[in-house]
PDB file of N, CA and C in Angstrom:
ATOM      1  N   UNK A   1     -72.624 181.248  29.013  1.00  0.00           N
ATOM      2  CA  UNK A   1     -73.558 180.429  29.538  1.00  0.00           C
ATOM      3  C   UNK A   1     -74.421 179.466  29.143  1.00  0.00           C
ATOM      4  N   UNK A   2     -74.410 179.456  27.705  1.00  0.00           N
ATOM      5  CA  UNK A   2     -75.140 178.156  27.066  1.00  0.00           C
ATOM      6  C   UNK A   2     -74.084 176.853  26.857  1.00  0.00           C
ATOM      7  N   UNK A   3     -72.888 176.947  26.909  1.00  0.00           N
ATOM      8  CA  UNK A   3     -72.187 175.844  27.083  1.00  0.00           C
ATOM      9  C   UNK A   3     -72.240 174.812  28.318  1.00  0.00           C
ATOM     10  N   UNK A   4     -72.494 176.154  29.409  1.00  0.00           N
ATOM     11  CA  UNK A   4     -72.395 175.347  30.909  1.00  0.00           C
ATOM     12  C   UNK A   4     -73.842 174.666  31.007  1.00  0.00           C
ATOM     13  N   UNK A   5     -75.077 175.547  30.333  1.00  0.00           N
ATOM     14  CA  UNK A   5     -76.377 174.703  29.739  1.00  0.00           C
ATOM     15  C   UNK A   5     -76.476 173.282  29.522  1.00  0.00           C
ATOM     16  N   UNK A   6     -75.391 173.367  28.071  1.00  0.00           N
ATOM     17  CA  UNK A   6     -75.125 172.450  27.160  1.00  0.00           C
ATOM     18  C   UNK A   6     -74.863 170.999  28.294  1.00  0.00           C
ATOM     19  N   UNK A   7     -73.667 171.523  29.221  1.00  0.00           N
ATOM     20  CA  UNK A   7     -73.167 170.444  30.079  1.00  0.00           C
ATOM     21  C   UNK A   7     -73.886 170.045  31.034  1.00  0.00           C
ATOM     22  N   UNK A   8     -74.681 171.036  31.490  1.00  0.00           N
ATOM     23  CA  UNK A   8     -75.937 170.607  32.407  1.00  0.00           C
ATOM     24  C   UNK A   8     -76.751 169.536  32.232  1.00  0.00           C
ATOM     25  N   UNK A   9     -77.511 169.611  30.740  1.00  0.00           N
ATOM     26  CA  UNK A   9     -78.457 168.775  30.207  1.00  0.00           C
ATOM     27  C   UNK A   9     -77.871 167.764  29.727  1.00  0.00           C
ATOM     28  N   UNK A  10     -76.591 167.565  29.304  1.00  0.00           N
ATOM     29  CA  UNK A  10     -75.766 166.339  28.950  1.00  0.00           C
ATOM     30  C   UNK A  10     -75.407 165.715  30.266  1.00  0.00           C
ATOM     31  N   UNK A  11     -75.418 165.970  31.240  1.00  0.00           N
ATOM     32  CA  UNK A  11     -75.535 165.299  32.494  1.00  0.00           C
ATOM     33  C   UNK A  11     -76.496 164.838  33.043  1.00  0.00           C
ATOM     34  N   UNK A  12     -77.659 165.832  32.831  1.00  0.00           N
ATOM     35  CA  UNK A  12     -78.986 164.980  33.089  1.00  0.00           C
ATOM     36  C   UNK A  12     -79.365 164.268  32.018  1.00  0.00           C
ATOM     37  N   UNK A  13     -79.061 164.310  31.218  1.00  0.00           N
ATOM     38  CA  UNK A  13     -79.848 162.900  30.175  1.00  0.00           C
ATOM     39  C   UNK A  13     -79.002 162.087  30.483  1.00  0.00           C
ATOM     40  N   UNK A  14     -77.442 162.041  30.927  1.00  0.00           N
ATOM     41  CA  UNK A  14     -76.863 160.708  31.176  1.00  0.00           C
ATOM     42  C   UNK A  14     -77.754 160.216  32.669  1.00  0.00           C
ATOM     43  N   UNK A  15     -77.821 161.076  33.743  1.00  0.00           N
ATOM     44  CA  UNK A  15     -78.283 160.330  34.573  1.00  0.00           C
ATOM     45  C   UNK A  15     -79.745 159.918  34.555  1.00  0.00           C
ATOM     46  N   UNK A  16     -80.585 160.862  33.569  1.00  0.00           N
ATOM     47  CA  UNK A  16     -81.488 159.957  33.073  1.00  0.00           C
ATOM     48  C   UNK A  16     -81.908 158.650  32.455  1.00  0.00           C
ATOM     49  N   UNK A  17     -80.645 158.605  31.590  1.00  0.00           N
ATOM     50  CA  UNK A  17     -80.900 157.538  31.132  1.00  0.00           C
ATOM     51  C   UNK A  17     -80.347 156.269  32.002  1.00  0.00           C
ATOM     52  N   UNK A  18     -79.666 156.371  32.937  1.00  0.00           N
ATOM     53  CA  UNK A  18     -79.234 155.494  33.999  1.00  0.00           C
ATOM     54  C   UNK A  18     -80.102 155.118  34.718  1.00  0.00           C
ATOM     55  N   UNK A  19     -80.942 156.182  35.224  1.00  0.00           N
ATOM     56  CA  UNK A  19     -81.954 155.955  36.148  1.00  0.00           C
ATOM     57  C   UNK A  19     -82.878 155.252  35.461  1.00  0.00           C
ATOM     58  N   UNK A  20     -83.369 155.534  33.893  1.00  0.00           N
ATOM     59  CA  UNK A  20     -84.390 154.450  33.053  1.00  0.00           C
ATOM     60  C   UNK A  20     -83.594 153.332  32.890  1.00  0.00           C
ATOM     61  N   UNK A  21     -82.701 152.903  32.879  1.00  0.00           N
ATOM     62  CA  UNK A  21     -81.675 151.676  32.656  1.00  0.00           C
ATOM     63  C   UNK A  21     -82.127 150.955  33.920  1.00  0.00           C
ATOM     64  N   UNK A  22     -81.846 151.612  35.418  1.00  0.00           N
ATOM     65  CA  UNK A  22     -81.755 150.735  36.380  1.00  0.00           C
ATOM     66  C   UNK A  22     -83.415 150.201  36.436  1.00  0.00           C
ATOM     67  N   UNK A  23     -84.122 151.311  36.224  1.00  0.00           N
ATOM     68  CA  UNK A  23     -85.740 150.939  36.413  1.00  0.00           C
ATOM     69  C   UNK A  23     -86.139 149.812  35.356  1.00  0.00           C
ATOM     70  N   UNK A  24     -85.739 149.423  34.162  1.00  0.00           N
ATOM     71  CA  UNK A  24     -86.100 148.550  33.313  1.00  0.00           C
ATOM     72  C   UNK A  24     -85.171 147.391  33.963  1.00  0.00           C
ATOM     73  N   UNK A  25     -84.200 147.335  34.369  1.00  0.00           N
ATOM     74  CA  UNK A  25     -83.860 146.052  34.666  1.00  0.00           C
ATOM     75  C   UNK A  25     -84.700 145.519  35.904  1.00  0.00           C
ATOM     76  N   UNK A  26     -84.487 146.303  37.097  1.00  0.00           N
ATOM     77  CA  UNK A  26     -85.654 145.813  37.995  1.00  0.00           C
ATOM     78  C   UNK A  26     -86.908 145.695  37.655  1.00  0.00           C
ATOM     79  N   UNK A  27     -87.358 146.323  36.657  1.00  0.00           N
ATOM     80  CA  UNK A  27     -88.672 145.276  36.514  1.00  0.00           C
ATOM     81  C   UNK A  27     -88.652 144.185  35.829  1.00  0.00           C
ATOM     82  N   UNK A  28     -87.461 144.125  34.726  1.00  0.00           N
ATOM     83  CA  UNK A  28     -87.314 142.689  33.848  1.00  0.00           C
ATOM     84  C   UNK A  28     -87.331 141.734  35.460  1.00  0.00           C
ATOM     85  N   UNK A  29     -86.377 141.795  36.502  1.00  0.00           N
ATOM     86  CA  UNK A  29     -85.731 140.817  37.354  1.00  0.00           C
ATOM     87  C   UNK A  29     -87.228 140.854  38.239  1.00  0.00           C
ATOM     88  N   UNK A  30     -87.832 141.822  38.404  1.00  0.00           N
ATOM     89  CA  UNK A  30     -89.285 141.433  39.290  1.00  0.00           C
ATOM     90  C   UNK A  30     -90.092 140.664  38.411  1.00  0.00           C
ATOM     91  N   UNK A  31     -90.480 140.730  37.096  1.00  0.00           N
ATOM     92  CA  UNK A  31     -91.323 140.001  36.249  1.00  0.00           C
ATOM     93  C   UNK A  31     -90.886 138.430  36.295  1.00  0.00           C
ATOM     94  N   UNK A  32     -89.586 138.252  35.892  1.00  0.00           N
ATOM     95  CA  UNK A  32     -88.636 137.265  36.066  1.00  0.00           C
ATOM     96  C   UNK A  32     -88.940 136.383  37.248  1.00  0.00           C
ATOM     97  N   UNK A  33     -88.800 137.046  38.300  1.00  0.00           N
ATOM     98  CA  UNK A  33     -89.026 136.501  39.660  1.00  0.00           C
ATOM     99  C   UNK A  33     -90.097 136.301  40.129  1.00  0.00           C
ATOM    100  N   UNK A  34     -91.141 137.085  39.338  1.00  0.00           N
ATOM    101  CA  UNK A  34     -92.711 136.638  39.979  1.00  0.00           C
ATOM    102  C   UNK A  34     -93.182 135.465  39.019  1.00  0.00           C
ATOM    103  N   UNK A  35     -92.564 134.981  37.919  1.00  0.00           N
ATOM    104  CA  UNK A  35     -93.043 134.033  37.078  1.00  0.00           C
ATOM    105  C   UNK A  35     -92.132 133.138  37.426  1.00  0.00           C
ATOM    106  N   UNK A  36     -90.839 133.149  37.849  1.00  0.00           N
ATOM    107  CA  UNK A  36     -90.102 131.823  38.727  1.00  0.00           C
ATOM    108  C   UNK A  36     -91.284 131.447  40.277  1.00  0.00           C
ATOM    109  N   UNK A  37     -91.889 132.335  41.072  1.00  0.00           N
ATOM    110  CA  UNK A  37     -92.329 131.793  42.123  1.00  0.00           C
ATOM    111  C   UNK A  37     -93.739 131.114  41.744  1.00  0.00           C
ATOM    112  N   UNK A  38     -94.415 131.678  40.509  1.00  0.00           N
ATOM    113  CA  UNK A  38     -95.709 131.386  40.063  1.00  0.00           C
ATOM    114  C   UNK A  38     -95.435 129.972  39.788  1.00  0.00           C
ATOM    115  N   UNK A  39     -94.632 129.871  39.414  1.00  0.00           N
ATOM    116  CA  UNK A  39     -94.274 128.527  38.649  1.00  0.00           C
ATOM    117  C   UNK A  39     -93.616 127.355  39.532  1.00  0.00           C
ATOM    118  N   UNK A  40     -92.873 127.974  40.731  1.00  0.00           N
ATOM    119  CA  UNK A  40     -92.623 127.027  41.775  1.00  0.00           C
ATOM    120  C   UNK A  40     -94.542 126.791  42.252  1.00  0.00           C
ATOM    121  N   UNK A  41     -95.123 127.332  42.660  1.00  0.00           N
ATOM    122  CA  UNK A  41     -96.382 127.299  43.106  1.00  0.00           C
ATOM    123  C   UNK A  41     -97.233 126.487  42.535  1.00  0.00           C
ATOM    124  N   UNK A  42     -97.195 126.461  41.052  1.00  0.00           N
ATOM    125  CA  UNK A  42     -97.839 125.493  40.513  1.00  0.00           C
ATOM    126  C   UNK A  42     -97.169 123.927  40.591  1.00  0.00           C
ATOM    127  N   UNK A  43     -95.840 123.804  40.670  1.00  0.00           N
ATOM    128  CA  UNK A  43     -95.215 122.922  40.803  1.00  0.00           C
ATOM    129  C   UNK A  43     -95.554 122.131  42.343  1.00  0.00           C
ATOM    130  N   UNK A  44     -95.933 122.700  43.181  1.00  0.00           N
ATOM    131  CA  UNK A  44     -95.891 122.523  44.653  1.00  0.00           C
ATOM    132  C   UNK A  44     -97.582 121.910  44.555  1.00  0.00           C
ATOM    133  N   UNK A  45     -98.402 122.474  43.744  1.00  0.00           N
ATOM    134  CA  UNK A  45     -99.884 122.219  43.665  1.00  0.00           C
ATOM    135  C   UNK A  45     -99.886 120.820  43.171  1.00  0.00           C
ATOM    136  N   UNK A  46     -99.313 120.959  41.829  1.00  0.00           N
ATOM    137  CA  UNK A  46     -99.162 119.581  41.041  1.00  0.00           C
ATOM    138  C   UNK A  46     -98.308 118.070  41.778  1.00  0.00           C
ATOM    139  N   UNK A  47     -97.569 118.523  43.015  1.00  0.00           N
ATOM    140  CA  UNK A  47     -96.982 117.568  43.756  1.00  0.00           C
ATOM    141  C   UNK A  47     -98.194 117.111  44.708  1.00  0.00           C
ATOM    142  N   UNK A  48     -98.928 118.232  45.318  1.00  0.00           N
ATOM    143  CA  UNK A  48     -99.765 117.556  46.322  1.00  0.00           C
ATOM    144  C   UNK A  48    -101.082 117.219  45.628  1.00  0.00           C
ATOM    145  N   UNK A  49    -101.114 117.593  44.328  1.00  0.00           N
ATOM    146  CA  UNK A  49    -102.564 116.843  43.946  1.00  0.00           C
ATOM    147  C   UNK A  49    -101.749 115.312  43.312  1.00  0.00           C
ATOM    148  N   UNK A  50    -100.901 115.102  43.268  1.00  0.00           N
ATOM    149  CA  UNK A  50    -100.166 113.621  42.953  1.00  0.00           C
ATOM    150  C   UNK A  50    -100.301 113.016  43.950  1.00  0.00           C
ATOM    151  N   UNK A  51    -100.215 113.355  44.887  1.00  0.00           N
ATOM    152  CA  UNK A  51    -100.032 112.595  46.589  1.00  0.00           C
ATOM    153  C   UNK A  51    -101.671 112.244  46.662  1.00  0.00           C
TER     154      UNK A  51
END
């Protein structure tokens, strides 16, 4: 039983690590996308201000 338990927790830890990694990547991508969008908006505002 302890052997099976160790295998289960090992698999669970790997799954948890994978889920956390995916979450971190998606959060980083979302932050980068948000910054990119805000910079585009700022450029548009600056362009309109020049006109």
